[in-house]
Amino acid sequence: MEVVIDGRTGLAAGSAGATFGEVFDRVRREVAVRRRVIVSFSLDGEVLSRQRMETLSGKAPPVGALLEVRTADPYRMAVETLAGLQGHLANVEKGLEEAARQFDAGEYTKTLAKFEECFQGWEILLRAVRDIGMLASADFFKLSVEGDSIDWCIRRLQSALLRFETALVTKDVLRLGDIARGELRPQVARWRAVFAVLGDHVARASGSGS
């Protein structure tokens, strides 16, 4: 099997007897040495999902197969993810405001649907922030936002979302309204501050900061 990394021949077919799993691990090590992160694996044109890679892991690659690997600069990815999160958070805030108007108007079915959408938005935000932390080697225990660590900010939001999810399951609109108004909406400004701190960290870590 030939392995091509970013358009260039990487690991040639010289690893006779190696399984897909061993090849994947070797590629990851080579990419890490280059200070890059893997964006995708493609086998003979098929983009491999994580599940598909696990299925292939113990198998031997067929003769003549082509594994193409795309990589990216981790700090550039972190910057792009942060830029997208600014707009994402604005949409979450807009959703919370819309849900509040629907609640005040007594449109509870619409309110539940909008709160569900907001919940998913916050979940996406948390996953993306963790991804940024890994990409930029950010220590969430040490990075501080208004006197609190980013780790504490994450745990506080998770706690609110856990209560919010429970209220969603039971369709407790009154409880959802209380949590949204008293806990989630006030966190919007806090998370804008988190993004600013992460942006400064990424700039410093990548060498582009002052």
N, C-alpha and C. Protein backbone atom coordinates (compact mmCIF):
# COMPACT_ATOMS: atom_id res chain seq x y z
N MET A 1 0.85 -1.20 0.00
CA MET A 1 0.00 0.00 0.00
C MET A 1 0.88 1.24 0.00
N GLU A 2 0.51 2.19 -0.82
CA GLU A 2 1.22 3.46 -0.84
C GLU A 2 0.49 4.47 0.03
N VAL A 3 1.26 5.25 0.74
CA VAL A 3 0.69 6.29 1.60
C VAL A 3 1.17 7.65 1.11
N VAL A 4 0.23 8.55 0.85
CA VAL A 4 0.56 9.89 0.39
C VAL A 4 0.06 10.89 1.42
N ILE A 5 0.97 11.74 1.88
CA ILE A 5 0.62 12.73 2.90
C ILE A 5 0.70 14.12 2.27
N ASP A 6 -0.42 14.82 2.23
CA ASP A 6 -0.50 16.16 1.64
C ASP A 6 0.07 16.19 0.23
N GLY A 7 -0.26 15.17 -0.55
CA GLY A 7 0.17 15.14 -1.94
C GLY A 7 1.56 14.61 -2.18
N ARG A 8 2.27 14.30 -1.11
CA ARG A 8 3.63 13.78 -1.24
C ARG A 8 3.70 12.36 -0.71
N THR A 9 4.49 11.56 -1.37
CA THR A 9 4.64 10.18 -0.93
C THR A 9 5.17 10.17 0.49
N GLY A 10 4.44 9.49 1.37
CA GLY A 10 4.86 9.42 2.77
C GLY A 10 5.47 8.08 3.06
N LEU A 11 4.73 7.22 3.69
CA LEU A 11 5.21 5.88 3.99
C LEU A 11 4.98 5.01 2.76
N ALA A 12 6.04 4.55 2.15
CA ALA A 12 5.90 3.75 0.94
C ALA A 12 5.43 2.36 1.29
N ALA A 13 5.32 1.53 0.27
CA ALA A 13 4.77 0.19 0.49
C ALA A 13 5.76 -0.73 1.18
N GLY A 14 6.79 -0.15 1.79
CA GLY A 14 7.84 -0.98 2.37
C GLY A 14 7.48 -1.64 3.69
N SER A 15 6.29 -1.38 4.23
CA SER A 15 5.90 -1.98 5.50
C SER A 15 5.10 -3.25 5.26
N ALA A 16 5.76 -4.25 4.70
CA ALA A 16 5.09 -5.51 4.39
C ALA A 16 4.59 -6.17 5.67
N GLY A 17 3.37 -6.67 5.62
CA GLY A 17 2.81 -7.37 6.78
C GLY A 17 2.17 -6.47 7.80
N ALA A 18 2.31 -5.15 7.65
CA ALA A 18 1.71 -4.23 8.62
C ALA A 18 0.20 -4.18 8.45
N THR A 19 -0.51 -4.06 9.54
CA THR A 19 -1.96 -3.90 9.49
C THR A 19 -2.31 -2.44 9.25
N PHE A 20 -3.57 -2.20 8.91
CA PHE A 20 -4.03 -0.82 8.77
C PHE A 20 -3.77 -0.04 10.06
N GLY A 21 -4.04 -0.66 11.20
CA GLY A 21 -3.85 0.03 12.47
C GLY A 21 -2.42 0.47 12.67
N GLU A 22 -1.48 -0.39 12.30
CA GLU A 22 -0.06 -0.04 12.43
C GLU A 22 0.32 1.09 11.48
N VAL A 23 -0.25 1.06 10.27
CA VAL A 23 0.02 2.14 9.32
C VAL A 23 -0.56 3.46 9.83
N PHE A 24 -1.79 3.43 10.34
CA PHE A 24 -2.41 4.64 10.88
C PHE A 24 -1.53 5.23 12.00
N ASP A 25 -1.05 4.37 12.90
CA ASP A 25 -0.21 4.84 14.01
C ASP A 25 1.09 5.44 13.50
N ARG A 26 1.68 4.81 12.48
CA ARG A 26 2.93 5.31 11.93
C ARG A 26 2.73 6.68 11.29
N VAL A 27 1.61 6.82 10.59
CA VAL A 27 1.30 8.11 9.97
C VAL A 27 1.12 9.18 11.04
N ARG A 28 0.40 8.84 12.11
CA ARG A 28 0.18 9.82 13.18
C ARG A 28 1.51 10.29 13.78
N ARG A 29 2.43 9.36 13.98
CA ARG A 29 3.73 9.74 14.54
C ARG A 29 4.50 10.64 13.58
N GLU A 30 4.45 10.30 12.31
CA GLU A 30 5.17 11.12 11.32
C GLU A 30 4.59 12.51 11.24
N VAL A 31 3.26 12.60 11.26
CA VAL A 31 2.61 13.91 11.19
C VAL A 31 2.90 14.73 12.44
N ALA A 32 2.92 14.06 13.62
CA ALA A 32 3.21 14.77 14.87
C ALA A 32 4.61 15.38 14.84
N VAL A 33 5.57 14.66 14.27
CA VAL A 33 6.94 15.17 14.16
C VAL A 33 6.96 16.45 13.33
N ARG A 34 6.09 16.53 12.36
CA ARG A 34 6.02 17.72 11.50
C ARG A 34 5.22 18.85 12.15
N ARG A 35 4.73 18.61 13.37
CA ARG A 35 3.91 19.60 14.08
C ARG A 35 2.65 19.95 13.28
N ARG A 36 2.01 18.91 12.75
CA ARG A 36 0.77 19.05 12.03
C ARG A 36 -0.29 18.17 12.70
N VAL A 37 -1.55 18.34 12.30
CA VAL A 37 -2.61 17.47 12.77
C VAL A 37 -3.31 16.85 11.57
N ILE A 38 -3.81 15.65 11.74
CA ILE A 38 -4.47 14.96 10.64
C ILE A 38 -5.91 15.45 10.50
N VAL A 39 -6.29 15.80 9.28
CA VAL A 39 -7.64 16.25 8.99
C VAL A 39 -8.48 15.07 8.49
N SER A 40 -7.88 14.22 7.65
CA SER A 40 -8.64 13.10 7.12
C SER A 40 -7.74 12.01 6.57
N PHE A 41 -8.26 10.78 6.59
CA PHE A 41 -7.67 9.63 5.92
C PHE A 41 -8.63 9.25 4.80
N SER A 42 -8.10 8.97 3.60
CA SER A 42 -8.92 8.47 2.50
C SER A 42 -8.28 7.23 1.93
N LEU A 43 -9.06 6.17 1.77
CA LEU A 43 -8.56 4.92 1.21
C LEU A 43 -9.21 4.70 -0.15
N ASP A 44 -8.38 4.78 -1.19
CA ASP A 44 -8.88 4.62 -2.57
C ASP A 44 -10.08 5.53 -2.82
N GLY A 45 -9.97 6.76 -2.34
CA GLY A 45 -11.02 7.75 -2.58
C GLY A 45 -12.12 7.79 -1.55
N GLU A 46 -12.17 6.82 -0.65
CA GLU A 46 -13.20 6.78 0.41
C GLU A 46 -12.68 7.46 1.67
N VAL A 47 -13.34 8.54 2.08
CA VAL A 47 -12.95 9.20 3.33
C VAL A 47 -13.35 8.28 4.48
N LEU A 48 -12.36 7.97 5.32
CA LEU A 48 -12.58 6.99 6.38
C LEU A 48 -13.11 7.65 7.65
N SER A 49 -14.23 7.18 8.13
CA SER A 49 -14.74 7.62 9.43
C SER A 49 -13.96 6.91 10.52
N ARG A 50 -14.10 7.38 11.75
CA ARG A 50 -13.42 6.73 12.87
C ARG A 50 -13.86 5.28 13.01
N GLN A 51 -15.16 5.06 12.83
CA GLN A 51 -15.68 3.70 12.93
C GLN A 51 -15.10 2.79 11.85
N ARG A 52 -15.01 3.33 10.63
CA ARG A 52 -14.44 2.55 9.52
C ARG A 52 -12.97 2.23 9.78
N MET A 53 -12.23 3.18 10.34
CA MET A 53 -10.83 2.94 10.65
C MET A 53 -10.68 1.85 11.71
N GLU A 54 -11.56 1.85 12.69
CA GLU A 54 -11.51 0.81 13.71
C GLU A 54 -11.80 -0.56 13.11
N THR A 55 -12.72 -0.61 12.15
CA THR A 55 -13.05 -1.87 11.49
C THR A 55 -11.85 -2.39 10.70
N LEU A 56 -11.13 -1.48 10.04
CA LEU A 56 -9.98 -1.87 9.22
C LEU A 56 -8.74 -2.16 10.04
N SER A 57 -8.70 -1.67 11.27
CA SER A 57 -7.47 -1.64 12.06
C SER A 57 -6.67 -2.95 12.08
N GLY A 58 -7.34 -4.07 12.24
CA GLY A 58 -6.62 -5.34 12.35
C GLY A 58 -6.38 -6.04 11.03
N LYS A 59 -6.82 -5.42 9.93
CA LYS A 59 -6.69 -6.06 8.62
C LYS A 59 -5.43 -5.61 7.90
N ALA A 60 -4.96 -6.43 6.97
CA ALA A 60 -3.80 -6.08 6.16
C ALA A 60 -4.27 -5.30 4.94
N PRO A 61 -3.60 -4.20 4.59
CA PRO A 61 -4.00 -3.42 3.41
C PRO A 61 -3.85 -4.26 2.14
N PRO A 62 -4.79 -4.11 1.21
CA PRO A 62 -4.66 -4.84 -0.06
C PRO A 62 -3.52 -4.28 -0.91
N VAL A 63 -2.95 -5.14 -1.74
CA VAL A 63 -1.88 -4.72 -2.64
C VAL A 63 -2.42 -3.66 -3.60
N GLY A 64 -1.66 -2.59 -3.78
CA GLY A 64 -2.07 -1.55 -4.71
C GLY A 64 -3.00 -0.50 -4.12
N ALA A 65 -3.35 -0.64 -2.85
CA ALA A 65 -4.24 0.36 -2.22
C ALA A 65 -3.50 1.68 -2.04
N LEU A 66 -4.27 2.76 -2.02
CA LEU A 66 -3.71 4.09 -1.84
C LEU A 66 -4.36 4.77 -0.64
N LEU A 67 -3.56 5.11 0.33
CA LEU A 67 -4.04 5.83 1.51
C LEU A 67 -3.57 7.26 1.41
N GLU A 68 -4.52 8.19 1.32
CA GLU A 68 -4.19 9.61 1.23
C GLU A 68 -4.51 10.28 2.57
N VAL A 69 -3.58 11.08 3.03
CA VAL A 69 -3.70 11.74 4.33
C VAL A 69 -3.62 13.25 4.14
N ARG A 70 -4.60 13.96 4.68
CA ARG A 70 -4.58 15.42 4.65
C ARG A 70 -4.29 15.93 6.05
N THR A 71 -3.39 16.89 6.14
CA THR A 71 -3.05 17.46 7.45
C THR A 71 -3.23 18.97 7.42
N ALA A 72 -3.14 19.58 8.58
CA ALA A 72 -3.28 21.03 8.68
C ALA A 72 -2.44 21.54 9.83
N ASP A 73 -2.17 22.83 9.80
CA ASP A 73 -1.45 23.47 10.90
C ASP A 73 -2.41 23.59 12.08
N PRO A 74 -2.05 23.06 13.26
CA PRO A 74 -3.00 23.06 14.39
C PRO A 74 -3.39 24.45 14.86
N TYR A 75 -2.46 25.40 14.80
CA TYR A 75 -2.78 26.73 15.28
C TYR A 75 -3.71 27.46 14.31
N ARG A 76 -3.51 27.23 13.03
CA ARG A 76 -4.42 27.83 12.05
C ARG A 76 -5.82 27.26 12.23
N MET A 77 -5.91 25.94 12.47
CA MET A 77 -7.22 25.33 12.72
C MET A 77 -7.87 25.91 13.96
N ALA A 78 -7.07 26.14 15.00
CA ALA A 78 -7.59 26.70 16.24
C ALA A 78 -8.14 28.11 16.00
N VAL A 79 -7.41 28.91 15.23
CA VAL A 79 -7.85 30.28 14.92
C VAL A 79 -9.16 30.25 14.13
N GLU A 80 -9.23 29.36 13.13
CA GLU A 80 -10.44 29.26 12.31
C GLU A 80 -11.63 28.78 13.13
N THR A 81 -11.39 27.83 14.04
CA THR A 81 -12.47 27.34 14.89
C THR A 81 -12.97 28.44 15.81
N LEU A 82 -12.04 29.21 16.38
CA LEU A 82 -12.44 30.32 17.24
C LEU A 82 -13.26 31.35 16.48
N ALA A 83 -12.86 31.65 15.26
CA ALA A 83 -13.59 32.64 14.47
C ALA A 83 -15.02 32.16 14.22
N GLY A 84 -15.17 30.87 13.95
CA GLY A 84 -16.51 30.33 13.74
C GLY A 84 -17.35 30.33 15.00
N LEU A 85 -16.69 30.15 16.14
CA LEU A 85 -17.42 30.10 17.41
C LEU A 85 -18.03 31.44 17.79
N GLN A 86 -17.41 32.53 17.36
CA GLN A 86 -17.98 33.85 17.66
C GLN A 86 -19.39 33.96 17.08
N GLY A 87 -19.53 33.58 15.81
CA GLY A 87 -20.85 33.62 15.19
C GLY A 87 -21.79 32.59 15.78
N HIS A 88 -21.24 31.42 16.12
CA HIS A 88 -22.05 30.37 16.73
C HIS A 88 -22.64 30.84 18.06
N LEU A 89 -21.83 31.49 18.88
CA LEU A 89 -22.32 31.98 20.17
C LEU A 89 -23.38 33.05 19.97
N ALA A 90 -23.21 33.90 18.96
CA ALA A 90 -24.21 34.92 18.67
C ALA A 90 -25.55 34.27 18.31
N ASN A 91 -25.49 33.16 17.58
CA ASN A 91 -26.73 32.44 17.24
C ASN A 91 -27.38 31.81 18.46
N VAL A 92 -26.55 31.27 19.36
CA VAL A 92 -27.08 30.70 20.60
C VAL A 92 -27.78 31.79 21.42
N GLU A 93 -27.15 32.95 21.52
CA GLU A 93 -27.74 34.06 22.26
C GLU A 93 -29.06 34.48 21.63
N LYS A 94 -29.08 34.56 20.30
CA LYS A 94 -30.31 34.93 19.60
C LYS A 94 -31.42 33.91 19.86
N GLY A 95 -31.02 32.61 19.90
CA GLY A 95 -32.00 31.56 20.18
C GLY A 95 -32.58 31.67 21.57
N LEU A 96 -31.74 31.99 22.56
CA LEU A 96 -32.22 32.15 23.92
C LEU A 96 -33.20 33.32 24.03
N GLU A 97 -32.90 34.40 23.31
CA GLU A 97 -33.79 35.57 23.34
C GLU A 97 -35.12 35.24 22.67
N GLU A 98 -35.06 34.50 21.56
CA GLU A 98 -36.28 34.13 20.86
C GLU A 98 -37.14 33.19 21.72
N ALA A 99 -36.48 32.25 22.41
CA ALA A 99 -37.21 31.35 23.29
C ALA A 99 -37.90 32.12 24.41
N ALA A 100 -37.22 33.14 24.93
CA ALA A 100 -37.81 33.95 25.99
C ALA A 100 -39.07 34.67 25.50
N ARG A 101 -39.03 35.18 24.26
CA ARG A 101 -40.21 35.86 23.70
C ARG A 101 -41.36 34.87 23.50
N GLN A 102 -41.02 33.67 23.02
CA GLN A 102 -42.05 32.65 22.81
C GLN A 102 -42.66 32.22 24.15
N PHE A 103 -41.82 32.12 25.16
CA PHE A 103 -42.30 31.76 26.50
C PHE A 103 -43.27 32.81 27.01
N ASP A 104 -42.88 34.08 26.89
CA ASP A 104 -43.74 35.17 27.36
C ASP A 104 -45.07 35.21 26.60
N ALA A 105 -45.04 34.74 25.35
CA ALA A 105 -46.26 34.74 24.54
C ALA A 105 -47.10 33.48 24.77
N GLY A 106 -46.63 32.59 25.62
CA GLY A 106 -47.37 31.37 25.90
C GLY A 106 -47.25 30.31 24.82
N GLU A 107 -46.28 30.45 23.91
CA GLU A 107 -46.09 29.48 22.83
C GLU A 107 -45.12 28.39 23.31
N TYR A 108 -45.60 27.53 24.16
CA TYR A 108 -44.71 26.60 24.86
C TYR A 108 -44.13 25.50 23.97
N THR A 109 -44.88 25.06 22.96
CA THR A 109 -44.34 24.05 22.05
C THR A 109 -43.14 24.61 21.28
N LYS A 110 -43.30 25.84 20.80
CA LYS A 110 -42.20 26.50 20.09
C LYS A 110 -41.04 26.78 21.05
N THR A 111 -41.37 27.12 22.28
CA THR A 111 -40.34 27.39 23.28
C THR A 111 -39.49 26.15 23.52
N LEU A 112 -40.12 24.99 23.67
CA LEU A 112 -39.39 23.74 23.89
C LEU A 112 -38.46 23.44 22.72
N ALA A 113 -38.96 23.63 21.50
CA ALA A 113 -38.15 23.35 20.32
C ALA A 113 -36.94 24.28 20.26
N LYS A 114 -37.15 25.54 20.59
CA LYS A 114 -36.05 26.51 20.56
C LYS A 114 -35.04 26.23 21.68
N PHE A 115 -35.53 25.84 22.86
CA PHE A 115 -34.61 25.50 23.95
C PHE A 115 -33.77 24.27 23.58
N GLU A 116 -34.37 23.30 22.90
CA GLU A 116 -33.63 22.12 22.45
C GLU A 116 -32.51 22.54 21.49
N GLU A 117 -32.83 23.46 20.61
CA GLU A 117 -31.85 23.98 19.66
C GLU A 117 -30.71 24.69 20.40
N CYS A 118 -31.06 25.47 21.40
CA CYS A 118 -30.05 26.19 22.19
C CYS A 118 -29.15 25.22 22.95
N PHE A 119 -29.75 24.18 23.51
CA PHE A 119 -28.98 23.17 24.23
C PHE A 119 -27.94 22.55 23.31
N GLN A 120 -28.35 22.17 22.11
CA GLN A 120 -27.42 21.58 21.16
C GLN A 120 -26.32 22.56 20.78
N GLY A 121 -26.68 23.84 20.69
CA GLY A 121 -25.69 24.87 20.37
C GLY A 121 -24.62 24.98 21.43
N TRP A 122 -25.02 24.95 22.70
CA TRP A 122 -24.04 25.00 23.79
C TRP A 122 -23.15 23.75 23.79
N GLU A 123 -23.74 22.58 23.50
CA GLU A 123 -22.96 21.34 23.46
C GLU A 123 -21.89 21.41 22.36
N ILE A 124 -22.26 21.95 21.21
CA ILE A 124 -21.30 22.10 20.12
C ILE A 124 -20.18 23.04 20.53
N LEU A 125 -20.55 24.11 21.22
CA LEU A 125 -19.55 25.07 21.67
C LEU A 125 -18.53 24.42 22.59
N LEU A 126 -19.01 23.62 23.54
CA LEU A 126 -18.08 22.96 24.48
C LEU A 126 -17.14 22.02 23.75
N ARG A 127 -17.67 21.23 22.80
CA ARG A 127 -16.81 20.31 22.06
C ARG A 127 -15.74 21.07 21.27
N ALA A 128 -16.15 22.18 20.65
CA ALA A 128 -15.21 22.96 19.86
C ALA A 128 -14.12 23.58 20.74
N VAL A 129 -14.49 24.05 21.92
CA VAL A 129 -13.50 24.64 22.83
C VAL A 129 -12.49 23.58 23.27
N ARG A 130 -12.96 22.38 23.53
CA ARG A 130 -12.03 21.29 23.89
C ARG A 130 -11.08 20.99 22.72
N ASP A 131 -11.62 21.02 21.51
CA ASP A 131 -10.78 20.79 20.33
C ASP A 131 -9.70 21.86 20.22
N ILE A 132 -10.07 23.09 20.46
CA ILE A 132 -9.10 24.19 20.41
C ILE A 132 -8.02 23.97 21.46
N GLY A 133 -8.44 23.53 22.65
CA GLY A 133 -7.48 23.26 23.71
C GLY A 133 -6.45 22.23 23.30
N MET A 134 -6.90 21.16 22.63
CA MET A 134 -5.97 20.12 22.18
C MET A 134 -5.07 20.63 21.06
N LEU A 135 -5.66 21.34 20.11
CA LEU A 135 -4.88 21.85 18.98
C LEU A 135 -3.78 22.80 19.42
N ALA A 136 -4.09 23.66 20.39
CA ALA A 136 -3.15 24.71 20.80
C ALA A 136 -2.46 24.40 22.13
N SER A 137 -2.60 23.15 22.62
CA SER A 137 -1.97 22.75 23.88
C SER A 137 -2.29 23.74 25.00
N ALA A 138 -3.56 24.09 25.12
CA ALA A 138 -3.98 25.06 26.13
C ALA A 138 -4.25 24.35 27.46
N ASP A 139 -3.70 24.89 28.52
CA ASP A 139 -3.93 24.36 29.86
C ASP A 139 -5.13 25.11 30.45
N PHE A 140 -6.29 24.47 30.43
CA PHE A 140 -7.51 25.12 30.89
C PHE A 140 -7.51 25.38 32.39
N PHE A 141 -6.62 24.73 33.13
CA PHE A 141 -6.54 24.98 34.57
C PHE A 141 -5.77 26.27 34.85
N LYS A 142 -4.87 26.65 33.93
CA LYS A 142 -4.04 27.83 34.15
C LYS A 142 -4.55 29.07 33.44
N LEU A 143 -5.21 28.90 32.31
CA LEU A 143 -5.74 30.07 31.59
C LEU A 143 -6.91 30.66 32.38
N SER A 144 -6.82 31.95 32.68
CA SER A 144 -7.80 32.59 33.56
C SER A 144 -8.70 33.55 32.81
N VAL A 145 -9.99 33.55 33.17
CA VAL A 145 -10.97 34.47 32.61
C VAL A 145 -11.66 35.17 33.76
N GLU A 146 -11.35 36.45 33.94
CA GLU A 146 -11.96 37.24 35.01
C GLU A 146 -11.79 36.56 36.37
N GLY A 147 -10.62 36.01 36.59
CA GLY A 147 -10.30 35.40 37.88
C GLY A 147 -10.66 33.93 38.00
N ASP A 148 -11.32 33.37 37.00
CA ASP A 148 -11.70 31.95 37.03
C ASP A 148 -10.99 31.21 35.90
N SER A 149 -10.63 29.96 36.13
CA SER A 149 -9.98 29.18 35.09
C SER A 149 -10.99 28.79 34.02
N ILE A 150 -10.50 28.53 32.82
CA ILE A 150 -11.39 28.07 31.76
C ILE A 150 -11.99 26.71 32.14
N ASP A 151 -11.23 25.90 32.84
CA ASP A 151 -11.77 24.61 33.31
C ASP A 151 -12.99 24.84 34.19
N TRP A 152 -12.92 25.83 35.07
CA TRP A 152 -14.06 26.14 35.94
C TRP A 152 -15.24 26.63 35.10
N CYS A 153 -14.96 27.45 34.08
CA CYS A 153 -16.03 27.94 33.21
C CYS A 153 -16.72 26.78 32.51
N ILE A 154 -15.94 25.82 32.06
CA ILE A 154 -16.50 24.64 31.39
C ILE A 154 -17.38 23.86 32.36
N ARG A 155 -16.88 23.62 33.56
CA ARG A 155 -17.63 22.83 34.54
C ARG A 155 -18.92 23.54 34.96
N ARG A 156 -18.86 24.85 35.06
CA ARG A 156 -20.05 25.61 35.43
C ARG A 156 -21.11 25.50 34.33
N LEU A 157 -20.68 25.63 33.07
CA LEU A 157 -21.63 25.52 31.97
C LEU A 157 -22.18 24.10 31.88
N GLN A 158 -21.32 23.11 32.06
CA GLN A 158 -21.78 21.72 32.03
C GLN A 158 -22.84 21.46 33.08
N SER A 159 -22.63 22.00 34.27
CA SER A 159 -23.59 21.82 35.36
C SER A 159 -24.95 22.40 34.99
N ALA A 160 -24.94 23.61 34.41
CA ALA A 160 -26.19 24.25 34.00
C ALA A 160 -26.86 23.45 32.88
N LEU A 161 -26.05 22.95 31.95
CA LEU A 161 -26.62 22.19 30.83
C LEU A 161 -27.20 20.86 31.29
N LEU A 162 -26.62 20.27 32.32
CA LEU A 162 -27.16 19.02 32.84
C LEU A 162 -28.56 19.23 33.40
N ARG A 163 -28.74 20.32 34.16
CA ARG A 163 -30.06 20.64 34.70
C ARG A 163 -31.03 21.01 33.57
N PHE A 164 -30.50 21.70 32.58
CA PHE A 164 -31.31 22.11 31.43
C PHE A 164 -31.80 20.87 30.66
N GLU A 165 -30.91 19.91 30.47
CA GLU A 165 -31.26 18.69 29.74
C GLU A 165 -32.33 17.91 30.49
N THR A 166 -32.21 17.84 31.81
CA THR A 166 -33.21 17.15 32.62
C THR A 166 -34.57 17.79 32.46
N ALA A 167 -34.61 19.11 32.44
CA ALA A 167 -35.87 19.83 32.26
C ALA A 167 -36.43 19.63 30.85
N LEU A 168 -35.54 19.49 29.88
CA LEU A 168 -36.00 19.22 28.51
C LEU A 168 -36.68 17.86 28.43
N VAL A 169 -36.08 16.87 29.08
CA VAL A 169 -36.64 15.52 29.04
C VAL A 169 -38.05 15.50 29.64
N THR A 170 -38.24 16.24 30.73
CA THR A 170 -39.55 16.27 31.40
C THR A 170 -40.47 17.35 30.85
N LYS A 171 -39.97 18.11 29.84
CA LYS A 171 -40.74 19.20 29.23
C LYS A 171 -41.21 20.23 30.26
N ASP A 172 -40.33 20.49 31.22
CA ASP A 172 -40.63 21.46 32.29
C ASP A 172 -40.28 22.86 31.78
N VAL A 173 -41.23 23.48 31.11
CA VAL A 173 -40.97 24.77 30.46
C VAL A 173 -40.62 25.85 31.47
N LEU A 174 -41.28 25.85 32.62
CA LEU A 174 -40.98 26.86 33.64
C LEU A 174 -39.54 26.73 34.13
N ARG A 175 -39.12 25.50 34.39
CA ARG A 175 -37.74 25.27 34.84
C ARG A 175 -36.75 25.66 33.76
N LEU A 176 -37.06 25.32 32.52
CA LEU A 176 -36.18 25.69 31.41
C LEU A 176 -36.03 27.21 31.31
N GLY A 177 -37.15 27.91 31.48
CA GLY A 177 -37.09 29.36 31.42
C GLY A 177 -36.23 29.95 32.52
N ASP A 178 -36.34 29.39 33.72
CA ASP A 178 -35.53 29.88 34.85
C ASP A 178 -34.04 29.67 34.59
N ILE A 179 -33.68 28.46 34.10
CA ILE A 179 -32.26 28.15 33.86
C ILE A 179 -31.72 29.02 32.72
N ALA A 180 -32.52 29.16 31.66
CA ALA A 180 -32.07 29.96 30.52
C ALA A 180 -31.85 31.41 30.92
N ARG A 181 -32.79 31.96 31.67
CA ARG A 181 -32.72 33.36 32.07
C ARG A 181 -31.66 33.61 33.14
N GLY A 182 -31.60 32.71 34.14
CA GLY A 182 -30.71 32.95 35.27
C GLY A 182 -29.30 32.41 35.12
N GLU A 183 -29.09 31.42 34.23
CA GLU A 183 -27.76 30.80 34.14
C GLU A 183 -27.15 30.84 32.74
N LEU A 184 -27.94 30.54 31.71
CA LEU A 184 -27.35 30.43 30.37
C LEU A 184 -27.15 31.79 29.70
N ARG A 185 -28.15 32.64 29.75
CA ARG A 185 -27.98 33.94 29.09
C ARG A 185 -26.85 34.75 29.71
N PRO A 186 -26.67 34.76 31.05
CA PRO A 186 -25.54 35.50 31.62
C PRO A 186 -24.19 34.94 31.21
N GLN A 187 -24.14 33.66 30.77
CA GLN A 187 -22.86 33.06 30.41
C GLN A 187 -22.38 33.45 29.02
N VAL A 188 -23.24 34.06 28.24
CA VAL A 188 -22.84 34.46 26.88
C VAL A 188 -21.65 35.41 26.94
N ALA A 189 -21.74 36.43 27.79
CA ALA A 189 -20.63 37.39 27.91
C ALA A 189 -19.38 36.71 28.43
N ARG A 190 -19.54 35.79 29.38
CA ARG A 190 -18.39 35.08 29.93
C ARG A 190 -17.67 34.27 28.84
N TRP A 191 -18.45 33.65 27.94
CA TRP A 191 -17.82 32.83 26.91
C TRP A 191 -17.19 33.67 25.81
N ARG A 192 -17.66 34.88 25.61
CA ARG A 192 -16.95 35.78 24.71
C ARG A 192 -15.57 36.11 25.30
N ALA A 193 -15.53 36.25 26.61
CA ALA A 193 -14.25 36.50 27.27
C ALA A 193 -13.35 35.28 27.18
N VAL A 194 -13.92 34.08 27.29
CA VAL A 194 -13.14 32.85 27.14
C VAL A 194 -12.51 32.80 25.75
N PHE A 195 -13.28 33.14 24.73
CA PHE A 195 -12.76 33.12 23.36
C PHE A 195 -11.59 34.10 23.22
N ALA A 196 -11.71 35.26 23.86
CA ALA A 196 -10.63 36.26 23.78
C ALA A 196 -9.36 35.73 24.42
N VAL A 197 -9.49 35.08 25.57
CA VAL A 197 -8.31 34.51 26.26
C VAL A 197 -7.69 33.39 25.42
N LEU A 198 -8.54 32.55 24.85
CA LEU A 198 -8.03 31.47 24.00
C LEU A 198 -7.34 32.03 22.75
N GLY A 199 -7.90 33.10 22.19
CA GLY A 199 -7.28 33.73 21.03
C GLY A 199 -5.89 34.24 21.35
N ASP A 200 -5.74 34.87 22.51
CA ASP A 200 -4.42 35.36 22.94
C ASP A 200 -3.45 34.20 23.13
N HIS A 201 -3.95 33.11 23.73
CA HIS A 201 -3.09 31.94 23.94
C HIS A 201 -2.62 31.35 22.62
N VAL A 202 -3.54 31.20 21.67
CA VAL A 202 -3.17 30.62 20.37
C VAL A 202 -2.14 31.50 19.67
N ALA A 203 -2.31 32.82 19.76
CA ALA A 203 -1.36 33.74 19.13
C ALA A 203 0.03 33.57 19.75
N ARG A 204 0.08 33.48 21.07
CA ARG A 204 1.37 33.32 21.75
C ARG A 204 2.01 31.97 21.41
N ALA A 205 1.20 30.92 21.47
CA ALA A 205 1.71 29.57 21.25
C ALA A 205 2.21 29.37 19.81
N SER A 206 1.58 30.06 18.87
CA SER A 206 1.98 29.91 17.47
C SER A 206 3.13 30.84 17.10
N GLY A 207 3.47 31.74 18.02
CA GLY A 207 4.56 32.67 17.74
C GLY A 207 4.13 33.92 17.00
N SER A 208 2.81 34.10 16.82
CA SER A 208 2.32 35.26 16.10
C SER A 208 1.91 36.40 17.02
N GLY A 209 1.99 36.14 18.35
CA GLY A 209 1.61 37.19 19.29
C GLY A 209 2.73 38.19 19.46
N SER A 210 2.44 39.25 20.19
CA SER A 210 3.45 40.29 20.40
C SER A 210 4.48 39.84 21.40
